[in-house]
Amino acid sequence: MVAQQRKKNNFISKPLFLQTLKANWLLWLLIAAGSATIFFVINVVVCSRDIFANVDMDKVTVYVVDEDLNWLQILGLLEQMGFSLSRIEIMSRIDLNSIISDLVYKIAGTILPMIYVMITANSLIASQVSSGSMAYVLSTPTNRKTVIRTGFIYLLVSLVAMYLVIALTALGSETIAGAIRRSNGGGANMNPIRTLLLCLASFAAIFSLGGISFGASAFFNKSNYSIAVGGGACVISFLCCILGLFGSKVFVSVGIGVEAMNIFNYASIFTLIDTDSISGFAKTMMGVEDAIMSYNWIWEIGILFAIGIAFSIVGSVKFLKKDLPL
């Protein structure tokens, strides 16, 4: 009886953890490999080339003088084309690394991990309750607290392992891209601090959505309700992030965005991945001149972790108190 009581009070259940790992390892492997491939391809194929170049107003001025052109005529032509002087000035200060970071760390690099947390979180609790397998788990010395803690720890550990793979791939592929750029006479344009912080912010956003999905899985007895809430939060956040990009200052300044669409950013978890703040902080730490130091990314990442933990706690408390269809 004493041994049985000790088993009940274990923080997590090792057999249950291993069983969960066995059931989800293939999905984890496919998602981790797919995400790593996305980062590798973007860094090596895209970032190794000088596809974009910032507007250098000094060179433009020299060209105008050498060619004996009239600035008023040039500005008039640009105005007719929709490019005002203020817009050109803004374009000259655009950080193209920030644009790529938004596309990679908010959209391309998060879609697969987001699918992973949607599927895995639902399978940890709600799916087992719906199928009746939770009755077998709770018929063993494993109690509800151990079940919920084991599920949460598995989700957390698997996400940490996944983003370690992603971060190492991002750093390695950026090193390769830098070598290619140097061999072609370009600059390396590498900043490992920025890469690691962006990976951390991306992880925090996925953890936040994972916490919402896990909380829904623990809160509801039916799997379809769990997927509707957890998956719905993921999909809405992702879609609003894409729409919100067209309301960002960068997109609006180059004429391909509408400022009013910025409202969608307020409905997306991914908005808290502050690429501008992280970029400014990382550049300052690397000694880049004229970089603007910003600490906003710290409290924004803190909010993401707080959201994930809060929803997990709410769902866990509900799971411990509710009646289960056993």
C-alpha atoms as a PDB file:
ATOM      1  CA  MET A   1       0.000   0.000   0.000  1.00  0.00           C
ATOM      2  CA  VAL A   2       2.858   2.380   0.819  1.00  0.00           C
ATOM      3  CA  ALA A   3       4.556   1.667  -2.521  1.00  0.00           C
ATOM      4  CA  GLN A   4       1.252   2.229  -4.305  1.00  0.00           C
ATOM      5  CA  GLN A   5       0.798   5.559  -2.491  1.00  0.00           C
ATOM      6  CA  ARG A   6       4.276   6.644  -3.527  1.00  0.00           C
ATOM      7  CA  LYS A   7       3.439   5.934  -7.145  1.00  0.00           C
ATOM      8  CA  LYS A   8       0.355   8.097  -6.863  1.00  0.00           C
ATOM      9  CA  ASN A   9       2.413  11.038  -5.606  1.00  0.00           C
ATOM     10  CA  ASN A  10       5.027  10.931  -8.361  1.00  0.00           C
ATOM     11  CA  PHE A  11       5.486  14.281 -10.101  1.00  0.00           C
ATOM     12  CA  ILE A  12       5.192  12.616 -13.497  1.00  0.00           C
ATOM     13  CA  SER A  13       4.582   9.060 -14.673  1.00  0.00           C
ATOM     14  CA  LYS A  14       7.605   7.691 -16.482  1.00  0.00           C
ATOM     15  CA  PRO A  15       5.616   4.876 -18.196  1.00  0.00           C
ATOM     16  CA  LEU A  16       2.981   7.376 -19.346  1.00  0.00           C
ATOM     17  CA  PHE A  17       5.669   9.768 -20.583  1.00  0.00           C
ATOM     18  CA  LEU A  18       7.378   6.996 -22.563  1.00  0.00           C
ATOM     19  CA  GLN A  19       4.035   5.838 -23.957  1.00  0.00           C
ATOM     20  CA  THR A  20       3.269   9.401 -25.087  1.00  0.00           C
ATOM     21  CA  LEU A  21       6.725   9.680 -26.625  1.00  0.00           C
ATOM     22  CA  LYS A  22       6.228   6.419 -28.502  1.00  0.00           C
ATOM     23  CA  ALA A  23       2.874   7.593 -29.839  1.00  0.00           C
ATOM     24  CA  ASN A  24       4.104  11.000 -31.020  1.00  0.00           C
ATOM     25  CA  TRP A  25       7.782  10.605 -31.973  1.00  0.00           C
ATOM     26  CA  LEU A  26       7.138  10.254 -35.711  1.00  0.00           C
ATOM     27  CA  LEU A  27       5.001  13.401 -35.833  1.00  0.00           C
ATOM     28  CA  TRP A  28       7.669  15.280 -33.859  1.00  0.00           C
ATOM     29  CA  LEU A  29      10.412  14.069 -36.200  1.00  0.00           C
ATOM     30  CA  LEU A  30       8.522  15.081 -39.347  1.00  0.00           C
ATOM     31  CA  ILE A  31       7.644  18.532 -37.963  1.00  0.00           C
ATOM     32  CA  ALA A  32      11.156  19.201 -36.635  1.00  0.00           C
ATOM     33  CA  ALA A  33      12.776  18.065 -39.898  1.00  0.00           C
ATOM     34  CA  GLY A  34      10.306  20.067 -41.987  1.00  0.00           C
ATOM     35  CA  SER A  35      10.819  23.243 -39.945  1.00  0.00           C
ATOM     36  CA  ALA A  36      14.594  22.865 -40.034  1.00  0.00           C
ATOM     37  CA  THR A  37      14.427  22.407 -43.807  1.00  0.00           C
ATOM     38  CA  ILE A  38      12.429  25.624 -44.200  1.00  0.00           C
ATOM     39  CA  PHE A  39      15.028  27.615 -42.265  1.00  0.00           C
ATOM     40  CA  PHE A  40      17.895  25.985 -44.144  1.00  0.00           C
ATOM     41  CA  VAL A  41      16.419  26.651 -47.584  1.00  0.00           C
ATOM     42  CA  ILE A  42      15.511  30.270 -46.834  1.00  0.00           C
ATOM     43  CA  ASN A  43      18.924  31.080 -45.364  1.00  0.00           C
ATOM     44  CA  VAL A  44      21.037  29.301 -47.957  1.00  0.00           C
ATOM     45  CA  VAL A  45      18.996  29.940 -51.103  1.00  0.00           C
ATOM     46  CA  VAL A  46      17.632  33.411 -50.334  1.00  0.00           C
ATOM     47  CA  CYS A  47      19.822  35.094 -47.718  1.00  0.00           C
ATOM     48  CA  SER A  48      23.071  34.098 -49.451  1.00  0.00           C
ATOM     49  CA  ARG A  49      22.242  36.464 -52.321  1.00  0.00           C
ATOM     50  CA  ASP A  50      21.920  40.223 -52.573  1.00  0.00           C
ATOM     51  CA  ILE A  51      18.340  40.141 -53.773  1.00  0.00           C
ATOM     52  CA  PHE A  52      17.453  43.460 -52.197  1.00  0.00           C
ATOM     53  CA  ALA A  53      19.424  46.648 -51.730  1.00  0.00           C
ATOM     54  CA  ASN A  54      18.463  49.608 -49.579  1.00  0.00           C
ATOM     55  CA  VAL A  55      18.019  52.965 -51.305  1.00  0.00           C
ATOM     56  CA  ASP A  56      21.250  54.980 -50.974  1.00  0.00           C
ATOM     57  CA  MET A  57      20.237  58.630 -51.280  1.00  0.00           C
ATOM     58  CA  ASP A  58      23.874  59.792 -51.419  1.00  0.00           C
ATOM     59  CA  LYS A  59      24.456  57.782 -54.580  1.00  0.00           C
ATOM     60  CA  VAL A  60      21.207  59.078 -56.049  1.00  0.00           C
ATOM     61  CA  THR A  61      22.316  62.661 -55.418  1.00  0.00           C
ATOM     62  CA  VAL A  62      25.696  62.064 -57.073  1.00  0.00           C
ATOM     63  CA  TYR A  63      23.962  60.552 -60.102  1.00  0.00           C
ATOM     64  CA  VAL A  64      21.615  63.522 -60.441  1.00  0.00           C
ATOM     65  CA  VAL A  65      24.540  65.978 -60.358  1.00  0.00           C
ATOM     66  CA  ASP A  66      26.667  63.974 -62.796  1.00  0.00           C
ATOM     67  CA  GLU A  67      23.846  63.673 -65.283  1.00  0.00           C
ATOM     68  CA  ASP A  68      22.867  67.330 -64.886  1.00  0.00           C
ATOM     69  CA  LEU A  69      19.300  66.368 -64.054  1.00  0.00           C
ATOM     70  CA  ASN A  70      16.622  68.541 -62.510  1.00  0.00           C
ATOM     71  CA  TRP A  71      15.455  67.371 -59.068  1.00  0.00           C
ATOM     72  CA  LEU A  72      12.069  69.057 -59.501  1.00  0.00           C
ATOM     73  CA  GLN A  73      11.399  67.098 -62.680  1.00  0.00           C
ATOM     74  CA  ILE A  74      12.537  63.855 -61.059  1.00  0.00           C
ATOM     75  CA  LEU A  75      10.378  64.450 -58.002  1.00  0.00           C
ATOM     76  CA  GLY A  76       7.425  65.336 -60.214  1.00  0.00           C
ATOM     77  CA  LEU A  77       7.840  62.066 -62.102  1.00  0.00           C
ATOM     78  CA  LEU A  78       8.085  60.115 -58.857  1.00  0.00           C
ATOM     79  CA  GLU A  79       4.981  61.850 -57.503  1.00  0.00           C
ATOM     80  CA  GLN A  80       3.063  60.757 -60.599  1.00  0.00           C
ATOM     81  CA  MET A  81       4.284  57.199 -59.990  1.00  0.00           C
ATOM     82  CA  GLY A  82       3.054  57.314 -56.380  1.00  0.00           C
ATOM     83  CA  PHE A  83       6.472  57.751 -54.753  1.00  0.00           C
ATOM     84  CA  SER A  84       6.586  60.923 -52.679  1.00  0.00           C
ATOM     85  CA  LEU A  85       9.796  62.270 -51.187  1.00  0.00           C
ATOM     86  CA  SER A  86       8.719  61.179 -47.709  1.00  0.00           C
ATOM     87  CA  ARG A  87       8.060  57.655 -48.958  1.00  0.00           C
ATOM     88  CA  ILE A  88      11.486  57.470 -50.597  1.00  0.00           C
ATOM     89  CA  GLU A  89      13.073  58.633 -47.354  1.00  0.00           C
ATOM     90  CA  ILE A  90      11.259  55.916 -45.438  1.00  0.00           C
ATOM     91  CA  MET A  91      12.293  53.304 -48.009  1.00  0.00           C
ATOM     92  CA  SER A  92      15.925  54.354 -47.619  1.00  0.00           C
ATOM     93  CA  ARG A  93      15.742  53.484 -43.920  1.00  0.00           C
ATOM     94  CA  ILE A  94      13.972  50.138 -44.276  1.00  0.00           C
ATOM     95  CA  ASP A  95      15.740  47.231 -42.588  1.00  0.00           C
ATOM     96  CA  LEU A  96      15.213  44.393 -45.054  1.00  0.00           C
ATOM     97  CA  ASN A  97      16.458  41.871 -42.496  1.00  0.00           C
ATOM     98  CA  SER A  98      13.432  42.818 -40.414  1.00  0.00           C
ATOM     99  CA  ILE A  99      11.099  42.034 -43.328  1.00  0.00           C
ATOM    100  CA  ILE A 100      12.688  38.623 -43.866  1.00  0.00           C
ATOM    101  CA  SER A 101      12.562  37.958 -40.105  1.00  0.00           C
ATOM    102  CA  ASP A 102       8.826  38.716 -40.074  1.00  0.00           C
ATOM    103  CA  LEU A 103       8.172  36.342 -42.960  1.00  0.00           C
ATOM    104  CA  VAL A 104      10.330  33.551 -41.517  1.00  0.00           C
ATOM    105  CA  TYR A 105       9.860  33.674 -37.739  1.00  0.00           C
ATOM    106  CA  LYS A 106       6.190  34.702 -37.763  1.00  0.00           C
ATOM    107  CA  ILE A 107       4.854  32.773 -40.759  1.00  0.00           C
ATOM    108  CA  ALA A 108       7.000  30.266 -42.666  1.00  0.00           C
ATOM    109  CA  GLY A 109       8.874  28.962 -39.632  1.00  0.00           C
ATOM    110  CA  THR A 110       5.872  28.690 -37.306  1.00  0.00           C
ATOM    111  CA  ILE A 111       3.213  26.947 -39.374  1.00  0.00           C
ATOM    112  CA  LEU A 112       4.559  23.408 -38.843  1.00  0.00           C
ATOM    113  CA  PRO A 113       5.216  23.762 -35.067  1.00  0.00           C
ATOM    114  CA  MET A 114       1.733  25.275 -34.786  1.00  0.00           C
ATOM    115  CA  ILE A 115       0.227  22.182 -36.426  1.00  0.00           C
ATOM    116  CA  TYR A 116       2.272  20.033 -34.042  1.00  0.00           C
ATOM    117  CA  VAL A 117       0.879  21.666 -30.882  1.00  0.00           C
ATOM    118  CA  MET A 118      -2.669  21.524 -32.243  1.00  0.00           C
ATOM    119  CA  ILE A 119      -2.468  17.767 -32.820  1.00  0.00           C
ATOM    120  CA  THR A 120      -0.318  16.791 -29.843  1.00  0.00           C
ATOM    121  CA  ALA A 121      -2.102  18.863 -27.200  1.00  0.00           C
ATOM    122  CA  ASN A 122      -5.437  17.366 -28.209  1.00  0.00           C
ATOM    123  CA  SER A 123      -4.061  13.817 -28.107  1.00  0.00           C
ATOM    124  CA  LEU A 124      -2.618  14.233 -24.602  1.00  0.00           C
ATOM    125  CA  ILE A 125      -5.944  14.617 -22.751  1.00  0.00           C
ATOM    126  CA  ALA A 126      -9.172  15.237 -24.701  1.00  0.00           C
ATOM    127  CA  SER A 127      -8.600  12.536 -27.301  1.00  0.00           C
ATOM    128  CA  GLN A 128      -7.977   9.954 -24.582  1.00  0.00           C
ATOM    129  CA  VAL A 129     -11.078  11.010 -22.672  1.00  0.00           C
ATOM    130  CA  SER A 130     -13.214  10.793 -25.827  1.00  0.00           C
ATOM    131  CA  SER A 131     -11.860   7.376 -26.801  1.00  0.00           C
ATOM    132  CA  GLY A 132     -12.161   5.966 -23.281  1.00  0.00           C
ATOM    133  CA  SER A 133      -8.439   5.215 -22.913  1.00  0.00           C
ATOM    134  CA  MET A 134      -8.224   7.711 -20.050  1.00  0.00           C
ATOM    135  CA  ALA A 135     -10.285   5.266 -17.990  1.00  0.00           C
ATOM    136  CA  TYR A 136      -7.487   2.707 -18.324  1.00  0.00           C
ATOM    137  CA  VAL A 137      -4.824   5.259 -17.378  1.00  0.00           C
ATOM    138  CA  LEU A 138      -6.678   6.342 -14.255  1.00  0.00           C
ATOM    139  CA  SER A 139      -7.397   2.734 -13.244  1.00  0.00           C
ATOM    140  CA  THR A 140      -3.652   2.404 -12.555  1.00  0.00           C
ATOM    141  CA  PRO A 141      -1.959   4.024  -9.528  1.00  0.00           C
ATOM    142  CA  THR A 142      -1.474   7.136 -11.702  1.00  0.00           C
ATOM    143  CA  ASN A 143      -3.780   9.919 -10.508  1.00  0.00           C
ATOM    144  CA  ARG A 144      -5.144  12.927 -12.373  1.00  0.00           C
ATOM    145  CA  LYS A 145      -2.465  15.339 -11.180  1.00  0.00           C
ATOM    146  CA  THR A 146       0.265  13.049 -12.451  1.00  0.00           C
ATOM    147  CA  VAL A 147      -1.527  12.635 -15.784  1.00  0.00           C
ATOM    148  CA  ILE A 148      -1.884  16.368 -16.340  1.00  0.00           C
ATOM    149  CA  ARG A 149       1.682  17.113 -15.252  1.00  0.00           C
ATOM    150  CA  THR A 150       3.070  14.353 -17.472  1.00  0.00           C
ATOM    151  CA  GLY A 151       1.178  15.654 -20.496  1.00  0.00           C
ATOM    152  CA  PHE A 152       2.302  19.246 -19.943  1.00  0.00           C
ATOM    153  CA  ILE A 153       5.942  18.254 -19.351  1.00  0.00           C
ATOM    154  CA  TYR A 154       5.942  16.141 -22.523  1.00  0.00           C
ATOM    155  CA  LEU A 155       4.570  19.032 -24.594  1.00  0.00           C
ATOM    156  CA  LEU A 156       7.129  21.435 -23.128  1.00  0.00           C
ATOM    157  CA  VAL A 157      10.110  19.090 -23.531  1.00  0.00           C
ATOM    158  CA  SER A 158       9.164  18.201 -27.109  1.00  0.00           C
ATOM    159  CA  LEU A 159       8.877  21.881 -28.068  1.00  0.00           C
ATOM    160  CA  VAL A 160      12.219  22.708 -26.436  1.00  0.00           C
ATOM    161  CA  ALA A 161      13.875  19.844 -28.341  1.00  0.00           C
ATOM    162  CA  MET A 162      12.235  20.952 -31.590  1.00  0.00           C
ATOM    163  CA  TYR A 163      13.438  24.534 -31.266  1.00  0.00           C
ATOM    164  CA  LEU A 164      16.934  23.423 -30.357  1.00  0.00           C
ATOM    165  CA  VAL A 165      17.005  21.668 -33.733  1.00  0.00           C
ATOM    166  CA  ILE A 166      15.573  24.770 -35.432  1.00  0.00           C
ATOM    167  CA  ALA A 167      18.035  27.148 -33.724  1.00  0.00           C
ATOM    168  CA  LEU A 168      21.058  25.001 -34.577  1.00  0.00           C
ATOM    169  CA  THR A 169      19.862  24.721 -38.179  1.00  0.00           C
ATOM    170  CA  ALA A 170      19.284  28.487 -38.415  1.00  0.00           C
ATOM    171  CA  LEU A 171      22.762  29.251 -37.071  1.00  0.00           C
ATOM    172  CA  GLY A 172      24.435  26.644 -39.283  1.00  0.00           C
ATOM    173  CA  SER A 173      22.620  27.698 -42.446  1.00  0.00           C
ATOM    174  CA  GLU A 174      23.362  31.381 -41.779  1.00  0.00           C
ATOM    175  CA  THR A 175      27.042  30.474 -41.486  1.00  0.00           C
ATOM    176  CA  ILE A 176      26.860  28.732 -44.873  1.00  0.00           C
ATOM    177  CA  ALA A 177      24.954  31.676 -46.369  1.00  0.00           C
ATOM    178  CA  GLY A 178      27.567  34.081 -45.011  1.00  0.00           C
ATOM    179  CA  ALA A 179      30.370  32.054 -46.589  1.00  0.00           C
ATOM    180  CA  ILE A 180      28.567  32.090 -49.940  1.00  0.00           C
ATOM    181  CA  ARG A 181      28.035  35.851 -49.748  1.00  0.00           C
ATOM    182  CA  ARG A 182      31.707  36.451 -48.956  1.00  0.00           C
ATOM    183  CA  SER A 183      32.795  34.238 -51.843  1.00  0.00           C
ATOM    184  CA  ASN A 184      30.642  36.386 -54.137  1.00  0.00           C
ATOM    185  CA  GLY A 185      32.149  39.600 -52.820  1.00  0.00           C
ATOM    186  CA  GLY A 186      29.293  40.506 -50.491  1.00  0.00           C
ATOM    187  CA  GLY A 187      29.070  40.983 -46.742  1.00  0.00           C
ATOM    188  CA  ALA A 188      28.363  38.158 -44.315  1.00  0.00           C
ATOM    189  CA  ASN A 189      25.464  40.049 -42.672  1.00  0.00           C
ATOM    190  CA  MET A 190      25.339  37.584 -39.762  1.00  0.00           C
ATOM    191  CA  ASN A 191      24.146  38.229 -36.230  1.00  0.00           C
ATOM    192  CA  PRO A 192      23.923  35.080 -34.069  1.00  0.00           C
ATOM    193  CA  ILE A 193      22.388  37.008 -31.161  1.00  0.00           C
ATOM    194  CA  ARG A 194      19.495  38.111 -33.369  1.00  0.00           C
ATOM    195  CA  THR A 195      19.003  34.558 -34.675  1.00  0.00           C
ATOM    196  CA  LEU A 196      18.912  33.022 -31.185  1.00  0.00           C
ATOM    197  CA  LEU A 197      16.549  35.687 -29.826  1.00  0.00           C
ATOM    198  CA  LEU A 198      14.217  35.312 -32.811  1.00  0.00           C
ATOM    199  CA  CYS A 199      14.158  31.549 -32.243  1.00  0.00           C
ATOM    200  CA  LEU A 200      13.381  32.178 -28.561  1.00  0.00           C
ATOM    201  CA  ALA A 201      10.533  34.548 -29.460  1.00  0.00           C
ATOM    202  CA  SER A 202       9.156  32.073 -31.999  1.00  0.00           C
ATOM    203  CA  PHE A 203       9.333  29.310 -29.386  1.00  0.00           C
ATOM    204  CA  ALA A 204       7.493  31.522 -26.880  1.00  0.00           C
ATOM    205  CA  ALA A 205       4.696  32.151 -29.408  1.00  0.00           C
ATOM    206  CA  ILE A 206       4.302  28.435 -30.151  1.00  0.00           C
ATOM    207  CA  PHE A 207       4.420  27.653 -26.412  1.00  0.00           C
ATOM    208  CA  SER A 208       1.637  30.206 -25.905  1.00  0.00           C
ATOM    209  CA  LEU A 209      -0.534  28.542 -28.548  1.00  0.00           C
ATOM    210  CA  GLY A 210       0.443  25.151 -27.139  1.00  0.00           C
ATOM    211  CA  GLY A 211      -0.721  26.272 -23.706  1.00  0.00           C
ATOM    212  CA  ILE A 212      -4.062  27.384 -25.134  1.00  0.00           C
ATOM    213  CA  SER A 213      -4.447  24.078 -26.973  1.00  0.00           C
ATOM    214  CA  PHE A 214      -3.387  22.025 -23.929  1.00  0.00           C
ATOM    215  CA  GLY A 215      -5.746  23.993 -21.689  1.00  0.00           C
ATOM    216  CA  ALA A 216      -8.621  23.329 -24.089  1.00  0.00           C
ATOM    217  CA  SER A 217      -7.683  19.645 -24.236  1.00  0.00           C
ATOM    218  CA  ALA A 218      -7.827  19.401 -20.446  1.00  0.00           C
ATOM    219  CA  PHE A 219     -10.951  21.552 -20.145  1.00  0.00           C
ATOM    220  CA  PHE A 220     -13.243  19.685 -22.552  1.00  0.00           C
ATOM    221  CA  ASN A 221     -14.271  16.034 -22.540  1.00  0.00           C
ATOM    222  CA  LYS A 222     -14.901  15.947 -26.279  1.00  0.00           C
ATOM    223  CA  SER A 223     -12.040  16.028 -28.728  1.00  0.00           C
ATOM    224  CA  ASN A 224     -13.913  18.121 -31.291  1.00  0.00           C
ATOM    225  CA  TYR A 225     -14.463  20.908 -28.726  1.00  0.00           C
ATOM    226  CA  SER A 226     -10.785  20.827 -27.833  1.00  0.00           C
ATOM    227  CA  ILE A 227      -9.717  21.116 -31.468  1.00  0.00           C
ATOM    228  CA  ALA A 228     -12.272  23.873 -32.114  1.00  0.00           C
ATOM    229  CA  VAL A 229     -10.888  26.063 -29.322  1.00  0.00           C
ATOM    230  CA  GLY A 230      -7.186  25.222 -29.458  1.00  0.00           C
ATOM    231  CA  GLY A 231      -6.976  24.836 -33.222  1.00  0.00           C
ATOM    232  CA  GLY A 232      -9.220  27.838 -33.768  1.00  0.00           C
ATOM    233  CA  ALA A 233      -6.917  30.029 -31.689  1.00  0.00           C
ATOM    234  CA  CYS A 234      -3.933  28.852 -33.736  1.00  0.00           C
ATOM    235  CA  VAL A 235      -5.568  29.351 -37.128  1.00  0.00           C
ATOM    236  CA  ILE A 236      -7.067  32.754 -36.306  1.00  0.00           C
ATOM    237  CA  SER A 237      -3.773  33.984 -34.883  1.00  0.00           C
ATOM    238  CA  PHE A 238      -1.885  32.797 -37.957  1.00  0.00           C
ATOM    239  CA  LEU A 239      -4.311  34.316 -40.466  1.00  0.00           C
ATOM    240  CA  CYS A 240      -4.435  37.628 -38.599  1.00  0.00           C
ATOM    241  CA  CYS A 241      -0.627  37.705 -38.601  1.00  0.00           C
ATOM    242  CA  ILE A 242      -0.562  37.374 -42.397  1.00  0.00           C
ATOM    243  CA  LEU A 243      -3.233  40.042 -42.868  1.00  0.00           C
ATOM    244  CA  GLY A 244      -1.543  42.291 -40.293  1.00  0.00           C
ATOM    245  CA  LEU A 245       1.701  42.291 -42.270  1.00  0.00           C
ATOM    246  CA  PHE A 246      -0.057  44.326 -44.962  1.00  0.00           C
ATOM    247  CA  GLY A 247      -0.779  46.968 -42.354  1.00  0.00           C
ATOM    248  CA  SER A 248       2.791  47.225 -41.092  1.00  0.00           C
ATOM    249  CA  LYS A 249       4.809  50.423 -41.605  1.00  0.00           C
ATOM    250  CA  VAL A 250       7.192  48.724 -44.010  1.00  0.00           C
ATOM    251  CA  PHE A 251       4.494  47.363 -46.318  1.00  0.00           C
ATOM    252  CA  VAL A 252       2.524  50.618 -46.226  1.00  0.00           C
ATOM    253  CA  SER A 253       5.635  52.696 -46.988  1.00  0.00           C
ATOM    254  CA  VAL A 254       6.417  50.728 -50.150  1.00  0.00           C
ATOM    255  CA  GLY A 255       2.835  50.959 -51.372  1.00  0.00           C
ATOM    256  CA  ILE A 256       1.742  47.333 -51.002  1.00  0.00           C
ATOM    257  CA  GLY A 257      -0.097  47.698 -47.709  1.00  0.00           C
ATOM    258  CA  VAL A 258      -3.052  49.481 -46.148  1.00  0.00           C
ATOM    259  CA  GLU A 259      -2.576  51.074 -42.745  1.00  0.00           C
ATOM    260  CA  ALA A 260      -6.082  50.091 -41.618  1.00  0.00           C
ATOM    261  CA  MET A 261      -5.133  46.399 -41.854  1.00  0.00           C
ATOM    262  CA  ASN A 262      -2.833  46.881 -38.862  1.00  0.00           C
ATOM    263  CA  ILE A 263      -5.905  46.135 -36.751  1.00  0.00           C
ATOM    264  CA  PHE A 264      -5.411  42.423 -37.444  1.00  0.00           C
ATOM    265  CA  ASN A 265      -2.120  42.515 -35.547  1.00  0.00           C
ATOM    266  CA  TYR A 266      -4.067  43.046 -32.325  1.00  0.00           C
ATOM    267  CA  ALA A 267      -5.719  39.626 -32.774  1.00  0.00           C
ATOM    268  CA  SER A 268      -2.529  37.640 -33.330  1.00  0.00           C
ATOM    269  CA  ILE A 269      -0.208  35.990 -30.820  1.00  0.00           C
ATOM    270  CA  PHE A 270       2.612  36.336 -33.355  1.00  0.00           C
ATOM    271  CA  THR A 271       2.492  40.138 -33.086  1.00  0.00           C
ATOM    272  CA  LEU A 272       4.422  39.733 -29.829  1.00  0.00           C
ATOM    273  CA  ILE A 273       7.388  38.416 -31.835  1.00  0.00           C
ATOM    274  CA  ASP A 274       8.936  41.877 -32.018  1.00  0.00           C
ATOM    275  CA  THR A 275      11.510  41.508 -34.786  1.00  0.00           C
ATOM    276  CA  ASP A 276      12.349  45.228 -34.796  1.00  0.00           C
ATOM    277  CA  SER A 277      13.100  45.306 -31.066  1.00  0.00           C
ATOM    278  CA  ILE A 278      15.137  42.105 -31.230  1.00  0.00           C
ATOM    279  CA  SER A 279      17.058  43.346 -34.265  1.00  0.00           C
ATOM    280  CA  GLY A 280      17.870  46.670 -32.597  1.00  0.00           C
ATOM    281  CA  PHE A 281      18.991  44.960 -29.397  1.00  0.00           C
ATOM    282  CA  ALA A 282      21.119  42.397 -31.265  1.00  0.00           C
ATOM    283  CA  LYS A 283      22.771  45.054 -33.442  1.00  0.00           C
ATOM    284  CA  THR A 284      23.644  47.102 -30.378  1.00  0.00           C
ATOM    285  CA  MET A 285      25.125  44.065 -28.671  1.00  0.00           C
ATOM    286  CA  MET A 286      27.224  43.382 -31.787  1.00  0.00           C
ATOM    287  CA  GLY A 287      28.509  46.961 -31.788  1.00  0.00           C
ATOM    288  CA  VAL A 288      26.645  48.186 -34.880  1.00  0.00           C
ATOM    289  CA  GLU A 289      26.644  51.979 -35.116  1.00  0.00           C
ATOM    290  CA  ASP A 290      23.349  53.899 -35.177  1.00  0.00           C
ATOM    291  CA  ALA A 291      21.473  50.841 -33.854  1.00  0.00           C
ATOM    292  CA  ILE A 292      18.584  51.623 -31.519  1.00  0.00           C
ATOM    293  CA  MET A 293      18.674  49.639 -28.275  1.00  0.00           C
ATOM    294  CA  SER A 294      15.266  48.224 -27.333  1.00  0.00           C
ATOM    295  CA  TYR A 295      14.151  45.963 -24.497  1.00  0.00           C
ATOM    296  CA  ASN A 296      10.512  45.629 -25.576  1.00  0.00           C
ATOM    297  CA  TRP A 297      11.088  42.046 -26.731  1.00  0.00           C
ATOM    298  CA  ILE A 298      11.732  40.955 -23.121  1.00  0.00           C
ATOM    299  CA  TRP A 299       8.297  41.795 -21.728  1.00  0.00           C
ATOM    300  CA  GLU A 300       6.597  40.663 -24.951  1.00  0.00           C
ATOM    301  CA  ILE A 301       8.189  37.210 -24.666  1.00  0.00           C
ATOM    302  CA  GLY A 302       7.194  37.227 -20.983  1.00  0.00           C
ATOM    303  CA  ILE A 303       3.561  37.823 -21.969  1.00  0.00           C
ATOM    304  CA  LEU A 304       3.688  34.887 -24.393  1.00  0.00           C
ATOM    305  CA  PHE A 305       4.941  32.509 -21.694  1.00  0.00           C
ATOM    306  CA  ALA A 306       2.370  33.880 -19.236  1.00  0.00           C
ATOM    307  CA  ILE A 307      -0.489  33.215 -21.696  1.00  0.00           C
ATOM    308  CA  GLY A 308       0.625  29.617 -22.243  1.00  0.00           C
ATOM    309  CA  ILE A 309       1.010  28.914 -18.523  1.00  0.00           C
ATOM    310  CA  ALA A 310      -2.274  30.612 -17.580  1.00  0.00           C
ATOM    311  CA  PHE A 311      -4.399  28.634 -20.057  1.00  0.00           C
ATOM    312  CA  SER A 312      -2.654  25.402 -19.067  1.00  0.00           C
ATOM    313  CA  ILE A 313      -3.429  26.045 -15.393  1.00  0.00           C
ATOM    314  CA  VAL A 314      -7.085  26.863 -16.078  1.00  0.00           C
ATOM    315  CA  GLY A 315      -7.554  23.690 -18.108  1.00  0.00           C
ATOM    316  CA  SER A 316      -5.664  21.589 -15.561  1.00  0.00           C
ATOM    317  CA  VAL A 317      -7.783  22.809 -12.656  1.00  0.00           C
ATOM    318  CA  LYS A 318     -10.920  21.986 -14.639  1.00  0.00           C
ATOM    319  CA  PHE A 319      -9.590  18.500 -15.443  1.00  0.00           C
ATOM    320  CA  LEU A 320      -8.901  17.764 -11.773  1.00  0.00           C
ATOM    321  CA  LYS A 321     -12.437  18.718 -10.695  1.00  0.00           C
ATOM    322  CA  LYS A 322     -14.728  17.683 -13.537  1.00  0.00           C
ATOM    323  CA  ASP A 323     -16.584  14.415 -13.968  1.00  0.00           C
ATOM    324  CA  LEU A 324     -15.074  12.207 -16.649  1.00  0.00           C
ATOM    325  CA  PRO A 325     -17.083   9.842 -18.847  1.00  0.00           C
ATOM    326  CA  LEU A 326     -15.101   6.806 -17.621  1.00  0.00           C
END
